[in-house]
């Protein structure tokens, strides 16, 4: 009876968090390869996050033969729209990339999918970056490896081919492609896959965001204020 009561309490808490636009991922701050893409949908936080990284993502897509839409969708999914503990200061790791970056890393617990839908929790070292910009360029360098050739624009006919190629390779989650595709469709991210949308991006930036030196990208004013408070501690 006590366990059932605890379960009901947890379910009510999850419901309240969903209404408030806070994902369970943000609550436990664990990099979770199995997390449902639906956790990150239809919130002002996600839209603001996309706006903050879209200009850099679009540029990287053109430079590295990658789909900016896929890059953004992965960042949304892997970082819970920038709200995960790993994605926030001082680590700015948007893609859950393990190892170290210029000798910098952080060790966190993470859930891993064995490829059959079964999860296990392990401790792992994740790369720590000075800002979102370094995180995105490091991601692009990783995907430039020939092992990810199936995700390159020149080797595919659409972003769906790229997300399919990443499934089972970049992430073991068997639903990885469908989650990314849903994010791309929901937020119209294919607009960032062409190099002729600079004016549209500039309009988004000027109306909704400010430059954030701490993240090396555009964010909303609230995020900048939080980073300033963190830096002054």
C-alpha atoms as a PDB file:
ATOM      1  CA  UNK A   1       0.000   0.000   0.000  1.00  0.00           C
ATOM      2  CA  UNK A   2       2.821   2.375   0.861  1.00  0.00           C
ATOM      3  CA  UNK A   3       4.507   1.713  -2.502  1.00  0.00           C
ATOM      4  CA  UNK A   4       1.256   2.414  -4.362  1.00  0.00           C
ATOM      5  CA  UNK A   5       0.856   5.693  -2.455  1.00  0.00           C
ATOM      6  CA  UNK A   6       4.424   6.715  -3.332  1.00  0.00           C
ATOM      7  CA  UNK A   7       3.807   5.837  -6.984  1.00  0.00           C
ATOM      8  CA  UNK A   8       0.679   8.014  -7.041  1.00  0.00           C
ATOM      9  CA  UNK A   9       2.618  10.912  -5.551  1.00  0.00           C
ATOM     10  CA  UNK A  10       5.355  10.571  -8.170  1.00  0.00           C
ATOM     11  CA  UNK A  11       2.805  10.412 -10.980  1.00  0.00           C
ATOM     12  CA  UNK A  12       1.088  13.568  -9.690  1.00  0.00           C
ATOM     13  CA  UNK A  13       4.463  15.316  -9.485  1.00  0.00           C
ATOM     14  CA  UNK A  14       5.301  14.304 -13.050  1.00  0.00           C
ATOM     15  CA  UNK A  15       1.932  15.641 -14.174  1.00  0.00           C
ATOM     16  CA  UNK A  16       2.520  18.973 -12.482  1.00  0.00           C
ATOM     17  CA  UNK A  17       5.979  19.225 -14.028  1.00  0.00           C
ATOM     18  CA  UNK A  18       4.549  18.509 -17.457  1.00  0.00           C
ATOM     19  CA  UNK A  19       1.955  21.248 -17.034  1.00  0.00           C
ATOM     20  CA  UNK A  20       4.701  23.656 -15.979  1.00  0.00           C
ATOM     21  CA  UNK A  21       6.789  22.747 -19.025  1.00  0.00           C
ATOM     22  CA  UNK A  22       9.533  21.046 -16.988  1.00  0.00           C
ATOM     23  CA  UNK A  23      10.727  17.663 -18.249  1.00  0.00           C
ATOM     24  CA  UNK A  24      11.548  14.748 -15.982  1.00  0.00           C
ATOM     25  CA  UNK A  25      15.018  14.881 -17.545  1.00  0.00           C
ATOM     26  CA  UNK A  26      15.517  18.358 -16.095  1.00  0.00           C
ATOM     27  CA  UNK A  27      14.390  17.091 -12.703  1.00  0.00           C
ATOM     28  CA  UNK A  28      16.948  14.320 -12.371  1.00  0.00           C
ATOM     29  CA  UNK A  29      19.568  15.950 -14.642  1.00  0.00           C
ATOM     30  CA  UNK A  30      20.788  12.599 -15.973  1.00  0.00           C
ATOM     31  CA  UNK A  31      21.858  12.251 -19.620  1.00  0.00           C
ATOM     32  CA  UNK A  32      19.193   9.784 -20.753  1.00  0.00           C
ATOM     33  CA  UNK A  33      19.467   8.234 -24.201  1.00  0.00           C
ATOM     34  CA  UNK A  34      16.038   6.659 -23.764  1.00  0.00           C
ATOM     35  CA  UNK A  35      14.171   9.824 -22.748  1.00  0.00           C
ATOM     36  CA  UNK A  36      11.002  10.440 -24.713  1.00  0.00           C
ATOM     37  CA  UNK A  37      11.189  13.259 -27.240  1.00  0.00           C
ATOM     38  CA  UNK A  38       7.726  14.337 -26.115  1.00  0.00           C
ATOM     39  CA  UNK A  39       9.302  15.599 -22.878  1.00  0.00           C
ATOM     40  CA  UNK A  40      10.783  18.542 -24.747  1.00  0.00           C
ATOM     41  CA  UNK A  41       7.819  19.610 -26.888  1.00  0.00           C
ATOM     42  CA  UNK A  42       5.554  22.624 -27.012  1.00  0.00           C
ATOM     43  CA  UNK A  43       7.269  24.776 -24.422  1.00  0.00           C
ATOM     44  CA  UNK A  44       8.556  28.319 -24.576  1.00  0.00           C
ATOM     45  CA  UNK A  45      11.839  26.975 -23.258  1.00  0.00           C
ATOM     46  CA  UNK A  46      12.341  24.782 -26.317  1.00  0.00           C
ATOM     47  CA  UNK A  47      11.536  27.576 -28.757  1.00  0.00           C
ATOM     48  CA  UNK A  48      13.930  29.955 -27.010  1.00  0.00           C
ATOM     49  CA  UNK A  49      16.616  27.288 -26.965  1.00  0.00           C
ATOM     50  CA  UNK A  50      16.223  26.626 -30.681  1.00  0.00           C
ATOM     51  CA  UNK A  51      16.440  30.346 -31.415  1.00  0.00           C
ATOM     52  CA  UNK A  52      19.648  30.574 -29.389  1.00  0.00           C
ATOM     53  CA  UNK A  53      21.521  27.870 -31.305  1.00  0.00           C
ATOM     54  CA  UNK A  54      19.917  28.052 -34.769  1.00  0.00           C
ATOM     55  CA  UNK A  55      22.289  30.642 -36.328  1.00  0.00           C
ATOM     56  CA  UNK A  56      25.387  28.666 -35.337  1.00  0.00           C
ATOM     57  CA  UNK A  57      23.731  25.382 -36.302  1.00  0.00           C
ATOM     58  CA  UNK A  58      22.852  26.698 -39.762  1.00  0.00           C
ATOM     59  CA  UNK A  59      26.421  27.867 -40.308  1.00  0.00           C
ATOM     60  CA  UNK A  60      27.862  24.554 -39.131  1.00  0.00           C
ATOM     61  CA  UNK A  61      25.509  22.659 -41.408  1.00  0.00           C
ATOM     62  CA  UNK A  62      26.860  24.512 -44.442  1.00  0.00           C
ATOM     63  CA  UNK A  63      30.480  24.132 -43.359  1.00  0.00           C
ATOM     64  CA  UNK A  64      30.368  20.446 -42.448  1.00  0.00           C
ATOM     65  CA  UNK A  65      27.879  18.962 -44.946  1.00  0.00           C
ATOM     66  CA  UNK A  66      25.398  18.258 -42.151  1.00  0.00           C
ATOM     67  CA  UNK A  67      21.690  18.860 -41.638  1.00  0.00           C
ATOM     68  CA  UNK A  68      21.273  21.774 -39.255  1.00  0.00           C
ATOM     69  CA  UNK A  69      17.803  20.424 -38.530  1.00  0.00           C
ATOM     70  CA  UNK A  70      19.278  17.171 -37.234  1.00  0.00           C
ATOM     71  CA  UNK A  71      21.924  18.994 -35.197  1.00  0.00           C
ATOM     72  CA  UNK A  72      19.263  21.150 -33.521  1.00  0.00           C
ATOM     73  CA  UNK A  73      16.935  18.206 -32.924  1.00  0.00           C
ATOM     74  CA  UNK A  74      19.731  16.214 -31.320  1.00  0.00           C
ATOM     75  CA  UNK A  75      20.606  19.159 -29.096  1.00  0.00           C
ATOM     76  CA  UNK A  76      16.950  19.470 -28.019  1.00  0.00           C
ATOM     77  CA  UNK A  77      16.659  15.756 -27.299  1.00  0.00           C
ATOM     78  CA  UNK A  78      20.047  15.156 -25.699  1.00  0.00           C
ATOM     79  CA  UNK A  79      20.054  18.284 -23.517  1.00  0.00           C
ATOM     80  CA  UNK A  80      16.342  18.612 -22.676  1.00  0.00           C
ATOM     81  CA  UNK A  81      16.311  21.925 -24.553  1.00  0.00           C
ATOM     82  CA  UNK A  82      19.426  23.094 -22.735  1.00  0.00           C
ATOM     83  CA  UNK A  83      17.910  22.421 -19.308  1.00  0.00           C
ATOM     84  CA  UNK A  84      19.850  19.304 -18.299  1.00  0.00           C
ATOM     85  CA  UNK A  85      22.606  19.555 -15.716  1.00  0.00           C
ATOM     86  CA  UNK A  86      25.178  18.562 -18.330  1.00  0.00           C
ATOM     87  CA  UNK A  87      24.041  21.250 -20.782  1.00  0.00           C
ATOM     88  CA  UNK A  88      24.071  24.118 -18.312  1.00  0.00           C
ATOM     89  CA  UNK A  89      27.018  26.046 -16.890  1.00  0.00           C
ATOM     90  CA  UNK A  90      29.785  25.202 -16.485  1.00  0.00           C
ATOM     91  CA  UNK A  91      29.745  22.254 -18.929  1.00  0.00           C
ATOM     92  CA  UNK A  92      27.563  23.336 -21.901  1.00  0.00           C
ATOM     93  CA  UNK A  93      27.537  19.781 -23.320  1.00  0.00           C
ATOM     94  CA  UNK A  94      24.494  19.714 -25.613  1.00  0.00           C
ATOM     95  CA  UNK A  95      24.967  16.293 -27.174  1.00  0.00           C
ATOM     96  CA  UNK A  96      25.957  13.966 -24.356  1.00  0.00           C
ATOM     97  CA  UNK A  97      29.385  13.406 -25.895  1.00  0.00           C
ATOM     98  CA  UNK A  98      31.627  11.420 -23.594  1.00  0.00           C
ATOM     99  CA  UNK A  99      35.345  11.828 -22.935  1.00  0.00           C
ATOM    100  CA  UNK A 100      37.154  15.135 -22.444  1.00  0.00           C
ATOM    101  CA  UNK A 101      37.504  18.386 -24.382  1.00  0.00           C
ATOM    102  CA  UNK A 102      40.865  20.139 -24.092  1.00  0.00           C
ATOM    103  CA  UNK A 103      41.374  18.110 -20.948  1.00  0.00           C
ATOM    104  CA  UNK A 104      38.053  19.162 -19.389  1.00  0.00           C
ATOM    105  CA  UNK A 105      35.372  16.659 -18.362  1.00  0.00           C
ATOM    106  CA  UNK A 106      32.684  15.969 -15.763  1.00  0.00           C
ATOM    107  CA  UNK A 107      31.559  12.599 -14.408  1.00  0.00           C
ATOM    108  CA  UNK A 108      27.815  11.990 -14.176  1.00  0.00           C
ATOM    109  CA  UNK A 109      25.406   9.084 -13.915  1.00  0.00           C
ATOM    110  CA  UNK A 110      23.679   8.221 -17.170  1.00  0.00           C
ATOM    111  CA  UNK A 111      21.140   5.711 -18.422  1.00  0.00           C
ATOM    112  CA  UNK A 112      22.157   3.559 -21.385  1.00  0.00           C
ATOM    113  CA  UNK A 113      19.944   1.523 -23.713  1.00  0.00           C
ATOM    114  CA  UNK A 114      21.334  -1.909 -24.596  1.00  0.00           C
ATOM    115  CA  UNK A 115      19.744  -1.690 -28.041  1.00  0.00           C
ATOM    116  CA  UNK A 116      16.734  -3.762 -26.998  1.00  0.00           C
ATOM    117  CA  UNK A 117      14.991  -1.134 -24.918  1.00  0.00           C
ATOM    118  CA  UNK A 118      16.559  -2.173 -21.616  1.00  0.00           C
ATOM    119  CA  UNK A 119      18.102   0.596 -19.483  1.00  0.00           C
ATOM    120  CA  UNK A 120      20.992   0.480 -17.045  1.00  0.00           C
ATOM    121  CA  UNK A 121      22.649   3.274 -15.053  1.00  0.00           C
ATOM    122  CA  UNK A 122      26.404   3.847 -15.222  1.00  0.00           C
ATOM    123  CA  UNK A 123      28.880   6.593 -14.300  1.00  0.00           C
ATOM    124  CA  UNK A 124      30.664   8.147 -17.262  1.00  0.00           C
ATOM    125  CA  UNK A 125      32.940  11.086 -18.076  1.00  0.00           C
ATOM    126  CA  UNK A 126      31.404  13.696 -20.377  1.00  0.00           C
ATOM    127  CA  UNK A 127      33.138  16.503 -22.244  1.00  0.00           C
ATOM    128  CA  UNK A 128      32.983  19.972 -20.703  1.00  0.00           C
ATOM    129  CA  UNK A 129      32.956  23.032 -23.006  1.00  0.00           C
ATOM    130  CA  UNK A 130      33.442  26.788 -22.550  1.00  0.00           C
ATOM    131  CA  UNK A 131      30.186  27.516 -24.439  1.00  0.00           C
ATOM    132  CA  UNK A 132      27.494  26.126 -26.723  1.00  0.00           C
ATOM    133  CA  UNK A 133      29.569  27.110 -29.749  1.00  0.00           C
ATOM    134  CA  UNK A 134      32.437  24.760 -28.876  1.00  0.00           C
ATOM    135  CA  UNK A 135      29.937  22.021 -28.095  1.00  0.00           C
ATOM    136  CA  UNK A 136      28.310  22.322 -31.516  1.00  0.00           C
ATOM    137  CA  UNK A 137      31.579  22.478 -33.435  1.00  0.00           C
ATOM    138  CA  UNK A 138      32.920  19.491 -31.521  1.00  0.00           C
ATOM    139  CA  UNK A 139      29.747  17.608 -32.455  1.00  0.00           C
ATOM    140  CA  UNK A 140      30.325  18.551 -36.115  1.00  0.00           C
ATOM    141  CA  UNK A 141      33.909  17.333 -35.953  1.00  0.00           C
ATOM    142  CA  UNK A 142      32.691  14.050 -34.490  1.00  0.00           C
ATOM    143  CA  UNK A 143      30.146  13.585 -37.265  1.00  0.00           C
ATOM    144  CA  UNK A 144      32.813  14.359 -39.868  1.00  0.00           C
ATOM    145  CA  UNK A 145      34.294  10.945 -39.102  1.00  0.00           C
ATOM    146  CA  UNK A 146      33.658   8.438 -41.909  1.00  0.00           C
ATOM    147  CA  UNK A 147      31.710   6.237 -39.519  1.00  0.00           C
ATOM    148  CA  UNK A 148      28.933   8.835 -39.703  1.00  0.00           C
ATOM    149  CA  UNK A 149      29.066   9.240 -43.494  1.00  0.00           C
ATOM    150  CA  UNK A 150      25.508   7.982 -43.700  1.00  0.00           C
ATOM    151  CA  UNK A 151      24.351  11.175 -41.973  1.00  0.00           C
ATOM    152  CA  UNK A 152      26.080  13.609 -44.359  1.00  0.00           C
ATOM    153  CA  UNK A 153      23.899  15.712 -46.641  1.00  0.00           C
ATOM    154  CA  UNK A 154      25.895  14.668 -49.687  1.00  0.00           C
ATOM    155  CA  UNK A 155      25.162  11.003 -48.983  1.00  0.00           C
ATOM    156  CA  UNK A 156      21.451  11.368 -48.213  1.00  0.00           C
ATOM    157  CA  UNK A 157      18.279  12.615 -49.830  1.00  0.00           C
ATOM    158  CA  UNK A 158      16.661  14.025 -46.694  1.00  0.00           C
ATOM    159  CA  UNK A 159      17.141  14.563 -42.981  1.00  0.00           C
ATOM    160  CA  UNK A 160      15.173  11.345 -42.382  1.00  0.00           C
ATOM    161  CA  UNK A 161      17.998   9.370 -43.993  1.00  0.00           C
ATOM    162  CA  UNK A 162      20.443  11.059 -41.631  1.00  0.00           C
ATOM    163  CA  UNK A 163      18.426  10.350 -38.486  1.00  0.00           C
ATOM    164  CA  UNK A 164      18.054   6.730 -39.568  1.00  0.00           C
ATOM    165  CA  UNK A 165      21.817   6.476 -40.009  1.00  0.00           C
ATOM    166  CA  UNK A 166      22.409   7.866 -36.520  1.00  0.00           C
ATOM    167  CA  UNK A 167      20.100   5.334 -34.868  1.00  0.00           C
ATOM    168  CA  UNK A 168      22.098   2.499 -33.361  1.00  0.00           C
ATOM    169  CA  UNK A 169      25.308   4.383 -34.113  1.00  0.00           C
ATOM    170  CA  UNK A 170      25.243   7.733 -32.343  1.00  0.00           C
ATOM    171  CA  UNK A 171      22.660   6.471 -29.865  1.00  0.00           C
ATOM    172  CA  UNK A 172      21.533   2.957 -29.012  1.00  0.00           C
ATOM    173  CA  UNK A 173      17.923   4.046 -28.511  1.00  0.00           C
ATOM    174  CA  UNK A 174      15.911   2.091 -31.079  1.00  0.00           C
ATOM    175  CA  UNK A 175      13.439   5.004 -31.340  1.00  0.00           C
ATOM    176  CA  UNK A 176      16.108   7.661 -31.830  1.00  0.00           C
ATOM    177  CA  UNK A 177      15.226   8.473 -35.455  1.00  0.00           C
ATOM    178  CA  UNK A 178      11.499   8.801 -34.822  1.00  0.00           C
ATOM    179  CA  UNK A 179      12.116  11.130 -31.862  1.00  0.00           C
ATOM    180  CA  UNK A 180      14.426  13.366 -33.908  1.00  0.00           C
ATOM    181  CA  UNK A 181      12.035  13.377 -36.865  1.00  0.00           C
ATOM    182  CA  UNK A 182       9.166  14.424 -34.608  1.00  0.00           C
ATOM    183  CA  UNK A 183      11.170  17.323 -33.171  1.00  0.00           C
ATOM    184  CA  UNK A 184      12.201  18.465 -36.659  1.00  0.00           C
ATOM    185  CA  UNK A 185       8.610  18.367 -37.898  1.00  0.00           C
ATOM    186  CA  UNK A 186       7.147  20.021 -34.793  1.00  0.00           C
ATOM    187  CA  UNK A 187       9.474  23.024 -34.940  1.00  0.00           C
ATOM    188  CA  UNK A 188       9.961  23.290 -38.710  1.00  0.00           C
ATOM    189  CA  UNK A 189      13.705  22.847 -38.388  1.00  0.00           C
ATOM    190  CA  UNK A 190      14.282  22.125 -42.079  1.00  0.00           C
ATOM    191  CA  UNK A 191      14.201  25.912 -42.549  1.00  0.00           C
ATOM    192  CA  UNK A 192      17.749  25.908 -41.190  1.00  0.00           C
ATOM    193  CA  UNK A 193      19.050  23.335 -43.677  1.00  0.00           C
ATOM    194  CA  UNK A 194      19.454  25.914 -46.462  1.00  0.00           C
ATOM    195  CA  UNK A 195      21.959  28.727 -46.552  1.00  0.00           C
ATOM    196  CA  UNK A 196      19.493  31.416 -47.629  1.00  0.00           C
ATOM    197  CA  UNK A 197      17.603  31.973 -44.379  1.00  0.00           C
ATOM    198  CA  UNK A 198      20.035  34.437 -42.785  1.00  0.00           C
ATOM    199  CA  UNK A 199      17.537  37.300 -42.779  1.00  0.00           C
ATOM    200  CA  UNK A 200      14.923  35.168 -41.064  1.00  0.00           C
ATOM    201  CA  UNK A 201      17.427  34.106 -38.402  1.00  0.00           C
ATOM    202  CA  UNK A 202      18.458  37.712 -37.809  1.00  0.00           C
ATOM    203  CA  UNK A 203      14.811  38.660 -37.301  1.00  0.00           C
ATOM    204  CA  UNK A 204      14.360  35.920 -34.702  1.00  0.00           C
ATOM    205  CA  UNK A 205      17.516  36.990 -32.893  1.00  0.00           C
ATOM    206  CA  UNK A 206      16.750  40.692 -32.808  1.00  0.00           C
ATOM    207  CA  UNK A 207      13.198  40.224 -31.558  1.00  0.00           C
ATOM    208  CA  UNK A 208      13.557  37.458 -28.981  1.00  0.00           C
ATOM    209  CA  UNK A 209      17.148  37.030 -27.853  1.00  0.00           C
ATOM    210  CA  UNK A 210      20.299  38.715 -26.589  1.00  0.00           C
ATOM    211  CA  UNK A 211      23.948  37.788 -27.018  1.00  0.00           C
ATOM    212  CA  UNK A 212      25.185  35.634 -24.138  1.00  0.00           C
ATOM    213  CA  UNK A 213      28.985  35.682 -23.769  1.00  0.00           C
ATOM    214  CA  UNK A 214      28.870  32.845 -21.257  1.00  0.00           C
ATOM    215  CA  UNK A 215      27.361  30.446 -23.800  1.00  0.00           C
ATOM    216  CA  UNK A 216      28.856  31.962 -26.910  1.00  0.00           C
ATOM    217  CA  UNK A 217      25.409  32.158 -28.501  1.00  0.00           C
ATOM    218  CA  UNK A 218      22.096  34.017 -28.409  1.00  0.00           C
ATOM    219  CA  UNK A 219      19.749  33.250 -25.506  1.00  0.00           C
ATOM    220  CA  UNK A 220      16.772  34.886 -23.865  1.00  0.00           C
ATOM    221  CA  UNK A 221      17.386  37.545 -21.220  1.00  0.00           C
ATOM    222  CA  UNK A 222      16.390  35.228 -18.379  1.00  0.00           C
ATOM    223  CA  UNK A 223      19.088  32.718 -19.347  1.00  0.00           C
ATOM    224  CA  UNK A 224      21.696  35.485 -19.553  1.00  0.00           C
ATOM    225  CA  UNK A 225      20.709  36.720 -16.087  1.00  0.00           C
ATOM    226  CA  UNK A 226      21.050  33.200 -14.667  1.00  0.00           C
ATOM    227  CA  UNK A 227      24.505  32.815 -16.210  1.00  0.00           C
ATOM    228  CA  UNK A 228      25.580  36.204 -14.850  1.00  0.00           C
ATOM    229  CA  UNK A 229      24.428  35.158 -11.391  1.00  0.00           C
ATOM    230  CA  UNK A 230      26.325  31.878 -11.711  1.00  0.00           C
ATOM    231  CA  UNK A 231      29.518  33.662 -12.781  1.00  0.00           C
ATOM    232  CA  UNK A 232      29.340  36.090  -9.859  1.00  0.00           C
ATOM    233  CA  UNK A 233      29.142  33.318  -7.230  1.00  0.00           C
END
